[in-house]
Amino acid sequence: MSTLKVDQSGEIGHVHHPQRQFLLDFMNHIKSNGYLLFSYPMPDQERGSGWMMFLYERIPEDVVNSFEA
């Protein structure tokens, strides 16, 4: 399975994955950890395939990594 790609290098972060449900699960994970500023997953039009979502606040690496564990 493809890994979750999280890029928080800019002012607004973004997350990419081929499957929408995977991003919905990630969204629920960060929400349960108290992070509420994000968009819902949408088709990734720039890449032409897969799904993406925006992060409007920085999510700590340990929270991201605990989802992938």
Protein backbone atom coordinates (compact mmCIF):
# COMPACT_ATOMS: atom_id res chain seq x y z
CA MET A 1 0.00 0.00 0.00
CA SER A 2 1.16 3.52 -0.73
CA THR A 3 2.30 5.57 2.19
CA LEU A 4 0.71 8.75 3.39
CA LYS A 5 2.58 11.79 2.07
CA VAL A 6 2.48 14.77 4.45
CA ASP A 7 4.13 18.04 3.43
CA GLN A 8 4.11 20.83 6.02
CA SER A 9 6.94 22.86 4.52
CA GLY A 10 4.72 25.79 3.52
CA GLU A 11 2.24 28.00 5.30
CA ILE A 12 -0.54 25.54 4.45
CA GLY A 13 0.31 21.85 4.67
CA HIS A 14 -1.07 19.16 2.42
CA VAL A 15 -1.53 15.41 2.61
CA HIS A 16 -1.73 12.97 -0.32
CA HIS A 17 -2.81 9.33 -0.68
CA PRO A 18 -4.37 7.24 -3.48
CA GLN A 19 -7.39 6.24 -1.36
CA ARG A 20 -10.00 8.65 0.00
CA GLN A 21 -10.87 6.40 2.95
CA PHE A 22 -7.24 6.45 4.11
CA LEU A 23 -7.38 10.27 4.30
CA LEU A 24 -10.74 10.14 6.09
CA ASP A 25 -9.14 7.84 8.67
CA PHE A 26 -6.17 10.22 8.99
CA MET A 27 -8.57 13.14 9.40
CA ASN A 28 -10.34 11.30 12.24
CA HIS A 29 -6.96 10.51 13.83
CA ILE A 30 -5.77 14.12 13.90
CA LYS A 31 -9.21 15.27 15.07
CA SER A 32 -9.10 12.81 17.98
CA ASN A 33 -5.71 14.33 18.91
CA GLY A 34 -7.18 17.84 19.12
CA TYR A 35 -6.21 19.20 15.68
CA LEU A 36 -9.26 20.62 13.95
CA LEU A 37 -8.01 22.94 11.19
CA PHE A 38 -8.02 20.89 7.97
CA SER A 39 -10.02 20.42 4.79
CA TYR A 40 -11.99 17.35 3.86
CA PRO A 41 -10.29 15.04 1.32
CA MET A 42 -10.80 16.01 -2.31
CA PRO A 43 -9.62 14.64 -5.66
CA ASP A 44 -6.01 15.60 -6.33
CA GLN A 45 -6.47 17.56 -9.54
CA GLU A 46 -2.87 18.79 -9.69
CA ARG A 47 -1.40 15.28 -9.71
CA GLY A 48 -4.23 13.85 -11.79
CA SER A 49 -4.96 10.91 -9.50
CA GLY A 50 -5.47 10.11 -5.85
CA TRP A 51 -6.76 12.31 -3.07
CA MET A 52 -5.47 15.24 -1.02
CA MET A 53 -6.39 17.44 1.90
CA PHE A 54 -5.07 20.68 3.34
CA LEU A 55 -3.73 21.21 6.87
CA TYR A 56 -4.30 24.71 8.23
CA GLU A 57 -2.24 24.13 11.38
CA ARG A 58 1.00 22.23 11.92
CA ILE A 59 0.49 18.63 13.02
CA PRO A 60 3.37 17.33 15.17
CA GLU A 61 5.41 14.53 13.63
CA ASP A 62 4.63 12.18 16.51
CA VAL A 63 0.89 12.52 15.79
CA VAL A 64 1.45 11.83 12.08
CA ASN A 65 3.73 8.86 12.83
CA SER A 66 1.35 7.37 15.38
CA PHE A 67 -1.27 7.10 12.61
CA GLU A 68 1.09 5.21 10.31
CA ALA A 69 2.28 2.84 13.07
